[in-house]
Amino acid sequence: MLAQRFRDYRKRMRLTQKELSHKSGLSAFTISGFEKGSGTGITMASFIKLLSVIISFQ
């Protein structure tokens, strides 16, 4: 649920996964996996990096 909400918000901010990857320092593969809910997820530190980038686009 969290991943889906994050993806929807990212899209509303008109940010691609590639742009988010570049700005956060995380791989697009990591971001894609998180948004799909696959794999083992991401660390709290990585999630905070993603949120920091998203928030800066408001």
PDB file of N, CA and C in Angstrom:
ATOM      1  N   MET A   1       0.824  -1.191   0.000  1.00  0.00           N
ATOM      2  CA  MET A   1       0.000   0.000   0.000  1.00  0.00           C
ATOM      3  C   MET A   1       0.875   1.265   0.000  1.00  0.00           C
ATOM      4  N   LEU A   2       1.899   1.284   0.829  1.00  0.00           N
ATOM      5  CA  LEU A   2       2.792   2.439   0.896  1.00  0.00           C
ATOM      6  C   LEU A   2       3.493   2.657  -0.436  1.00  0.00           C
ATOM      7  N   ALA A   3       3.958   1.582  -1.043  1.00  0.00           N
ATOM      8  CA  ALA A   3       4.663   1.684  -2.319  1.00  0.00           C
ATOM      9  C   ALA A   3       3.751   2.233  -3.414  1.00  0.00           C
ATOM     10  N   GLN A   4       2.517   1.781  -3.434  1.00  0.00           N
ATOM     11  CA  GLN A   4       1.567   2.253  -4.441  1.00  0.00           C
ATOM     12  C   GLN A   4       1.264   3.739  -4.252  1.00  0.00           C
ATOM     13  N   ARG A   5       1.100   4.150  -3.014  1.00  0.00           N
ATOM     14  CA  ARG A   5       0.843   5.566  -2.740  1.00  0.00           C
ATOM     15  C   ARG A   5       2.043   6.418  -3.127  1.00  0.00           C
ATOM     16  N   PHE A   6       3.241   5.902  -2.852  1.00  0.00           N
ATOM     17  CA  PHE A   6       4.454   6.615  -3.226  1.00  0.00           C
ATOM     18  C   PHE A   6       4.524   6.776  -4.741  1.00  0.00           C
ATOM     19  N   ARG A   7       4.276   5.693  -5.481  1.00  0.00           N
ATOM     20  CA  ARG A   7       4.318   5.734  -6.952  1.00  0.00           C
ATOM     21  C   ARG A   7       3.310   6.752  -7.491  1.00  0.00           C
ATOM     22  N   ASP A   8       2.094   6.731  -6.959  1.00  0.00           N
ATOM     23  CA  ASP A   8       1.068   7.667  -7.408  1.00  0.00           C
ATOM     24  C   ASP A   8       1.496   9.113  -7.155  1.00  0.00           C
ATOM     25  N   TYR A   9       2.080   9.358  -6.002  1.00  0.00           N
ATOM     26  CA  TYR A   9       2.533  10.710  -5.681  1.00  0.00           C
ATOM     27  C   TYR A   9       3.678  11.129  -6.594  1.00  0.00           C
ATOM     28  N   ARG A  10       4.619  10.214  -6.843  1.00  0.00           N
ATOM     29  CA  ARG A  10       5.737  10.513  -7.746  1.00  0.00           C
ATOM     30  C   ARG A  10       5.210  10.906  -9.116  1.00  0.00           C
ATOM     31  N   LYS A  11       4.229  10.174  -9.588  1.00  0.00           N
ATOM     32  CA  LYS A  11       3.664  10.469 -10.905  1.00  0.00           C
ATOM     33  C   LYS A  11       2.941  11.817 -10.919  1.00  0.00           C
ATOM     34  N   ARG A  12       2.250  12.143  -9.838  1.00  0.00           N
ATOM     35  CA  ARG A  12       1.591  13.449  -9.760  1.00  0.00           C
ATOM     36  C   ARG A  12       2.605  14.587  -9.774  1.00  0.00           C
ATOM     37  N   MET A  13       3.792  14.325  -9.238  1.00  0.00           N
ATOM     38  CA  MET A  13       4.862  15.322  -9.250  1.00  0.00           C
ATOM     39  C   MET A  13       5.578  15.354 -10.605  1.00  0.00           C
ATOM     40  N   ARG A  14       5.149  14.477 -11.502  1.00  0.00           N
ATOM     41  CA  ARG A  14       5.725  14.367 -12.851  1.00  0.00           C
ATOM     42  C   ARG A  14       7.221  14.059 -12.816  1.00  0.00           C
ATOM     43  N   LEU A  15       7.569  13.151 -11.926  1.00  0.00           N
ATOM     44  CA  LEU A  15       8.948  12.684 -11.793  1.00  0.00           C
ATOM     45  C   LEU A  15       9.026  11.255 -12.322  1.00  0.00           C
ATOM     46  N   THR A  16       9.974  10.994 -13.180  1.00  0.00           N
ATOM     47  CA  THR A  16      10.177   9.622 -13.640  1.00  0.00           C
ATOM     48  C   THR A  16      11.051   8.880 -12.631  1.00  0.00           C
ATOM     49  N   GLN A  17      11.056   7.568 -12.740  1.00  0.00           N
ATOM     50  CA  GLN A  17      11.929   6.782 -11.877  1.00  0.00           C
ATOM     51  C   GLN A  17      13.387   7.126 -12.148  1.00  0.00           C
ATOM     52  N   LYS A  18      13.703   7.387 -13.402  1.00  0.00           N
ATOM     53  CA  LYS A  18      15.080   7.738 -13.767  1.00  0.00           C
ATOM     54  C   LYS A  18      15.494   9.063 -13.121  1.00  0.00           C
ATOM     55  N   GLU A  19      14.622  10.059 -13.157  1.00  0.00           N
ATOM     56  CA  GLU A  19      14.920  11.347 -12.525  1.00  0.00           C
ATOM     57  C   GLU A  19      15.067  11.186 -11.014  1.00  0.00           C
ATOM     58  N   LEU A  20      14.168  10.417 -10.433  1.00  0.00           N
ATOM     59  CA  LEU A  20      14.216  10.171  -9.002  1.00  0.00           C
ATOM     60  C   LEU A  20      15.496   9.437  -8.631  1.00  0.00           C
ATOM     61  N   SER A  21      15.900   8.507  -9.462  1.00  0.00           N
ATOM     62  CA  SER A  21      17.131   7.766  -9.246  1.00  0.00           C
ATOM     63  C   SER A  21      18.334   8.708  -9.239  1.00  0.00           C
ATOM     64  N   HIS A  22      18.376   9.569 -10.231  1.00  0.00           N
ATOM     65  CA  HIS A  22      19.495  10.515 -10.348  1.00  0.00           C
ATOM     66  C   HIS A  22      19.565  11.446  -9.136  1.00  0.00           C
ATOM     67  N   LYS A  23      18.436  11.949  -8.709  1.00  0.00           N
ATOM     68  CA  LYS A  23      18.411  12.920  -7.619  1.00  0.00           C
ATOM     69  C   LYS A  23      18.599  12.287  -6.240  1.00  0.00           C
ATOM     70  N   SER A  24      18.202  11.024  -6.095  1.00  0.00           N
ATOM     71  CA  SER A  24      18.301  10.372  -4.786  1.00  0.00           C
ATOM     72  C   SER A  24      19.587   9.582  -4.604  1.00  0.00           C
ATOM     73  N   GLY A  25      20.226   9.218  -5.715  1.00  0.00           N
ATOM     74  CA  GLY A  25      21.418   8.398  -5.623  1.00  0.00           C
ATOM     75  C   GLY A  25      21.117   6.910  -5.527  1.00  0.00           C
ATOM     76  N   LEU A  26      19.854   6.550  -5.624  1.00  0.00           N
ATOM     77  CA  LEU A  26      19.452   5.142  -5.602  1.00  0.00           C
ATOM     78  C   LEU A  26      19.270   4.669  -7.036  1.00  0.00           C
ATOM     79  N   SER A  27      19.407   3.382  -7.260  1.00  0.00           N
ATOM     80  CA  SER A  27      19.257   2.875  -8.622  1.00  0.00           C
ATOM     81  C   SER A  27      17.784   2.855  -9.032  1.00  0.00           C
ATOM     82  N   ALA A  28      17.553   2.981 -10.326  1.00  0.00           N
ATOM     83  CA  ALA A  28      16.188   2.883 -10.848  1.00  0.00           C
ATOM     84  C   ALA A  28      15.620   1.496 -10.566  1.00  0.00           C
ATOM     85  N   PHE A  29      16.485   0.489 -10.554  1.00  0.00           N
ATOM     86  CA  PHE A  29      16.074  -0.881 -10.237  1.00  0.00           C
ATOM     87  C   PHE A  29      15.512  -0.950  -8.811  1.00  0.00           C
ATOM     88  N   THR A  30      16.166  -0.296  -7.871  1.00  0.00           N
ATOM     89  CA  THR A  30      15.713  -0.267  -6.482  1.00  0.00           C
ATOM     90  C   THR A  30      14.363   0.425  -6.370  1.00  0.00           C
ATOM     91  N   ILE A  31      14.227   1.551  -7.046  1.00  0.00           N
ATOM     92  CA  ILE A  31      12.979   2.315  -7.003  1.00  0.00           C
ATOM     93  C   ILE A  31      11.843   1.516  -7.632  1.00  0.00           C
ATOM     94  N   SER A  32      12.118   0.911  -8.778  1.00  0.00           N
ATOM     95  CA  SER A  32      11.110   0.096  -9.456  1.00  0.00           C
ATOM     96  C   SER A  32      10.669  -1.073  -8.576  1.00  0.00           C
ATOM     97  N   GLY A  33      11.623  -1.751  -7.981  1.00  0.00           N
ATOM     98  CA  GLY A  33      11.297  -2.876  -7.102  1.00  0.00           C
ATOM     99  C   GLY A  33      10.458  -2.447  -5.915  1.00  0.00           C
ATOM    100  N   PHE A  34      10.801  -1.310  -5.328  1.00  0.00           N
ATOM    101  CA  PHE A  34      10.030  -0.794  -4.205  1.00  0.00           C
ATOM    102  C   PHE A  34       8.600  -0.493  -4.628  1.00  0.00           C
ATOM    103  N   GLU A  35       8.432   0.200  -5.756  1.00  0.00           N
ATOM    104  CA  GLU A  35       7.100   0.580  -6.203  1.00  0.00           C
ATOM    105  C   GLU A  35       6.246  -0.627  -6.594  1.00  0.00           C
ATOM    106  N   LYS A  36       6.893  -1.685  -7.064  1.00  0.00           N
ATOM    107  CA  LYS A  36       6.156  -2.903  -7.432  1.00  0.00           C
ATOM    108  C   LYS A  36       5.887  -3.793  -6.224  1.00  0.00           C
ATOM    109  N   GLY A  37       6.590  -3.519  -5.127  1.00  0.00           N
ATOM    110  CA  GLY A  37       6.423  -4.343  -3.941  1.00  0.00           C
ATOM    111  C   GLY A  37       7.147  -5.672  -4.043  1.00  0.00           C
ATOM    112  N   SER A  38       8.088  -5.750  -4.973  1.00  0.00           N
ATOM    113  CA  SER A  38       8.818  -7.003  -5.149  1.00  0.00           C
ATOM    114  C   SER A  38      10.127  -6.985  -4.380  1.00  0.00           C
ATOM    115  N   GLY A  39      10.721  -8.113  -4.270  1.00  0.00           N
ATOM    116  CA  GLY A  39      12.003  -8.196  -3.589  1.00  0.00           C
ATOM    117  C   GLY A  39      11.855  -8.042  -2.092  1.00  0.00           C
ATOM    118  N   THR A  40      12.929  -7.657  -1.461  1.00  0.00           N
ATOM    119  CA  THR A  40      12.939  -7.534  -0.004  1.00  0.00           C
ATOM    120  C   THR A  40      12.600  -6.129   0.461  1.00  0.00           C
ATOM    121  N   GLY A  41      12.340  -5.221  -0.461  1.00  0.00           N
ATOM    122  CA  GLY A  41      12.019  -3.857  -0.080  1.00  0.00           C
ATOM    123  C   GLY A  41      13.263  -2.991  -0.014  1.00  0.00           C
ATOM    124  N   ILE A  42      13.127  -1.859   0.638  1.00  0.00           N
ATOM    125  CA  ILE A  42      14.255  -0.935   0.760  1.00  0.00           C
ATOM    126  C   ILE A  42      14.479  -0.618   2.227  1.00  0.00           C
ATOM    127  N   THR A  43      15.627  -0.088   2.511  1.00  0.00           N
ATOM    128  CA  THR A  43      15.935   0.297   3.892  1.00  0.00           C
ATOM    129  C   THR A  43      15.222   1.601   4.235  1.00  0.00           C
ATOM    130  N   MET A  44      15.125   1.875   5.505  1.00  0.00           N
ATOM    131  CA  MET A  44      14.509   3.117   5.958  1.00  0.00           C
ATOM    132  C   MET A  44      15.320   4.312   5.455  1.00  0.00           C
ATOM    133  N   ALA A  45      16.635   4.188   5.438  1.00  0.00           N
ATOM    134  CA  ALA A  45      17.489   5.281   4.956  1.00  0.00           C
ATOM    135  C   ALA A  45      17.210   5.582   3.486  1.00  0.00           C
ATOM    136  N   SER A  46      17.034   4.545   2.685  1.00  0.00           N
ATOM    137  CA  SER A  46      16.733   4.732   1.263  1.00  0.00           C
ATOM    138  C   SER A  46      15.357   5.353   1.080  1.00  0.00           C
ATOM    139  N   PHE A  47      14.404   4.914   1.869  1.00  0.00           N
ATOM    140  CA  PHE A  47      13.052   5.472   1.787  1.00  0.00           C
ATOM    141  C   PHE A  47      13.065   6.955   2.137  1.00  0.00           C
ATOM    142  N   ILE A  48      13.842   7.324   3.123  1.00  0.00           N
ATOM    143  CA  ILE A  48      13.947   8.730   3.508  1.00  0.00           C
ATOM    144  C   ILE A  48      14.581   9.543   2.384  1.00  0.00           C
ATOM    145  N   LYS A  49      15.569   8.989   1.691  1.00  0.00           N
ATOM    146  CA  LYS A  49      16.158   9.680   0.534  1.00  0.00           C
ATOM    147  C   LYS A  49      15.095   9.939  -0.527  1.00  0.00           C
ATOM    148  N   LEU A  50      14.280   8.929  -0.807  1.00  0.00           N
ATOM    149  CA  LEU A  50      13.227   9.087  -1.811  1.00  0.00           C
ATOM    150  C   LEU A  50      12.228  10.153  -1.389  1.00  0.00           C
ATOM    151  N   LEU A  51      11.834  10.133  -0.142  1.00  0.00           N
ATOM    152  CA  LEU A  51      10.881  11.130   0.350  1.00  0.00           C
ATOM    153  C   LEU A  51      11.459  12.540   0.281  1.00  0.00           C
ATOM    154  N   SER A  52      12.729  12.672   0.578  1.00  0.00           N
ATOM    155  CA  SER A  52      13.385  13.988   0.530  1.00  0.00           C
ATOM    156  C   SER A  52      13.316  14.585  -0.878  1.00  0.00           C
ATOM    157  N   VAL A  53      13.555  13.739  -1.876  1.00  0.00           N
ATOM    158  CA  VAL A  53      13.506  14.217  -3.262  1.00  0.00           C
ATOM    159  C   VAL A  53      12.082  14.587  -3.636  1.00  0.00           C
ATOM    160  N   ILE A  54      11.129  13.738  -3.310  1.00  0.00           N
ATOM    161  CA  ILE A  54       9.731  13.994  -3.652  1.00  0.00           C
ATOM    162  C   ILE A  54       9.252  15.286  -3.002  1.00  0.00           C
ATOM    163  N   ILE A  55       9.576  15.469  -1.748  1.00  0.00           N
ATOM    164  CA  ILE A  55       9.124  16.663  -1.017  1.00  0.00           C
ATOM    165  C   ILE A  55       9.718  17.935  -1.608  1.00  0.00           C
ATOM    166  N   SER A  56      10.939  17.849  -2.098  1.00  0.00           N
ATOM    167  CA  SER A  56      11.579  19.039  -2.654  1.00  0.00           C
ATOM    168  C   SER A  56      10.936  19.508  -3.960  1.00  0.00           C
ATOM    169  N   PHE A  57      10.101  18.672  -4.568  1.00  0.00           N
ATOM    170  CA  PHE A  57       9.452  19.014  -5.829  1.00  0.00           C
ATOM    171  C   PHE A  57       8.096  19.674  -5.642  1.00  0.00           C
ATOM    172  N   GLN A  58       7.676  19.903  -4.432  1.00  0.00           N
ATOM    173  CA  GLN A  58       6.361  20.529  -4.204  1.00  0.00           C
ATOM    174  C   GLN A  58       6.366  21.974  -4.548  1.00  0.00           C
TER     175      GLN A  58
END
